Amino acid sequence: MSYFTLVYPETMEFAEAHPEGSELQVYYDPLNPAESVLVPGPRADKRYSDLILASLGVGVGVVLALLGWLEILG
């Protein structure tokens, strides 16, 4: 499973390394072929980016909930 999506300039590098019509490996789960990826595994350069973004989202949600609760009580 891939935990990231290619973004520019990686997309251009990938396209140059794999010209149209060339063969490439696709990694998939035989029990669920819809889970197919070209690049398996987590990103080596951004190991915790998803965890950081998720934590930030939870933090913002908690702050908004507290502000709403204080507005109701106020």
Protein backbone atom coordinates (compact mmCIF):
# COMPACT_ATOMS: atom_id res chain seq x y z
CA MET A 1 0.00 0.00 0.00
CA SER A 2 1.23 3.48 -0.77
CA TYR A 3 0.87 6.17 1.86
CA PHE A 4 1.55 9.08 -0.47
CA THR A 5 0.77 10.58 -3.83
CA LEU A 6 3.37 11.78 -6.28
CA VAL A 7 3.49 15.55 -6.65
CA TYR A 8 5.45 17.87 -8.89
CA PRO A 9 8.40 17.49 -9.66
CA GLU A 10 8.13 13.77 -8.84
CA THR A 11 5.39 13.39 -11.44
CA MET A 12 7.68 14.73 -14.16
CA GLU A 13 10.55 12.49 -13.04
CA PHE A 14 8.23 9.47 -13.02
CA ALA A 15 6.91 10.33 -16.50
CA GLU A 16 10.45 10.71 -17.88
CA ALA A 17 11.53 7.40 -16.33
CA HIS A 18 8.44 5.62 -17.72
CA PRO A 19 7.63 6.88 -21.23
CA GLU A 20 4.26 6.07 -22.80
CA GLY A 21 4.03 2.43 -23.80
CA SER A 22 6.77 1.25 -21.44
CA GLU A 23 6.20 -1.52 -18.92
CA LEU A 24 6.21 -0.89 -15.18
CA GLN A 25 5.47 -2.84 -12.04
CA VAL A 26 2.11 -2.44 -10.34
CA TYR A 27 1.76 -3.60 -6.75
CA TYR A 28 -1.67 -4.87 -5.78
CA ASP A 29 -3.58 -6.87 -3.22
CA PRO A 30 -4.86 -10.05 -4.94
CA LEU A 31 -7.86 -10.07 -2.60
CA ASN A 32 -8.66 -6.44 -3.44
CA PRO A 33 -7.17 -5.41 -6.81
CA ALA A 34 -8.68 -1.93 -6.42
CA GLU A 35 -5.84 -1.29 -3.96
CA SER A 36 -3.16 -1.05 -6.65
CA VAL A 37 -0.16 1.27 -6.41
CA LEU A 38 2.88 2.14 -8.48
CA VAL A 39 5.06 3.14 -5.52
CA PRO A 40 4.70 0.88 -2.46
CA GLY A 41 5.39 1.87 1.12
CA PRO A 42 5.60 5.14 3.02
CA ARG A 43 7.65 8.12 1.87
CA ALA A 44 11.17 8.05 3.24
CA ASP A 45 11.46 11.84 3.32
CA LYS A 46 8.14 12.60 5.04
CA ARG A 47 7.49 9.76 7.46
CA TYR A 48 5.12 11.55 9.80
CA SER A 49 3.41 14.08 7.51
CA ASP A 50 0.02 12.34 7.60
CA LEU A 51 0.14 11.97 11.38
CA ILE A 52 1.08 15.64 11.78
CA LEU A 53 -1.74 16.78 9.47
CA ALA A 54 -4.25 14.54 11.23
CA SER A 55 -3.17 15.88 14.64
CA LEU A 56 -3.49 19.44 13.38
CA GLY A 57 -7.00 18.68 12.11
CA VAL A 58 -8.03 17.20 15.46
CA GLY A 59 -6.54 20.19 17.29
CA VAL A 60 -8.44 22.68 15.13
CA GLY A 61 -11.65 20.69 15.62
CA VAL A 62 -11.23 20.68 19.40
CA VAL A 63 -10.55 24.43 19.48
CA LEU A 64 -13.62 25.15 17.34
CA ALA A 65 -15.78 22.90 19.52
CA LEU A 66 -14.56 24.64 22.67
CA LEU A 67 -15.18 28.09 21.17
CA GLY A 68 -18.69 27.04 20.17
CA TRP A 69 -19.36 25.64 23.63
CA LEU A 70 -18.12 28.85 25.28
CA GLU A 71 -20.33 30.91 22.95
CA ILE A 72 -23.39 28.90 24.01
CA LEU A 73 -22.56 29.29 27.71
CA GLY A 74 -21.55 32.95 27.39
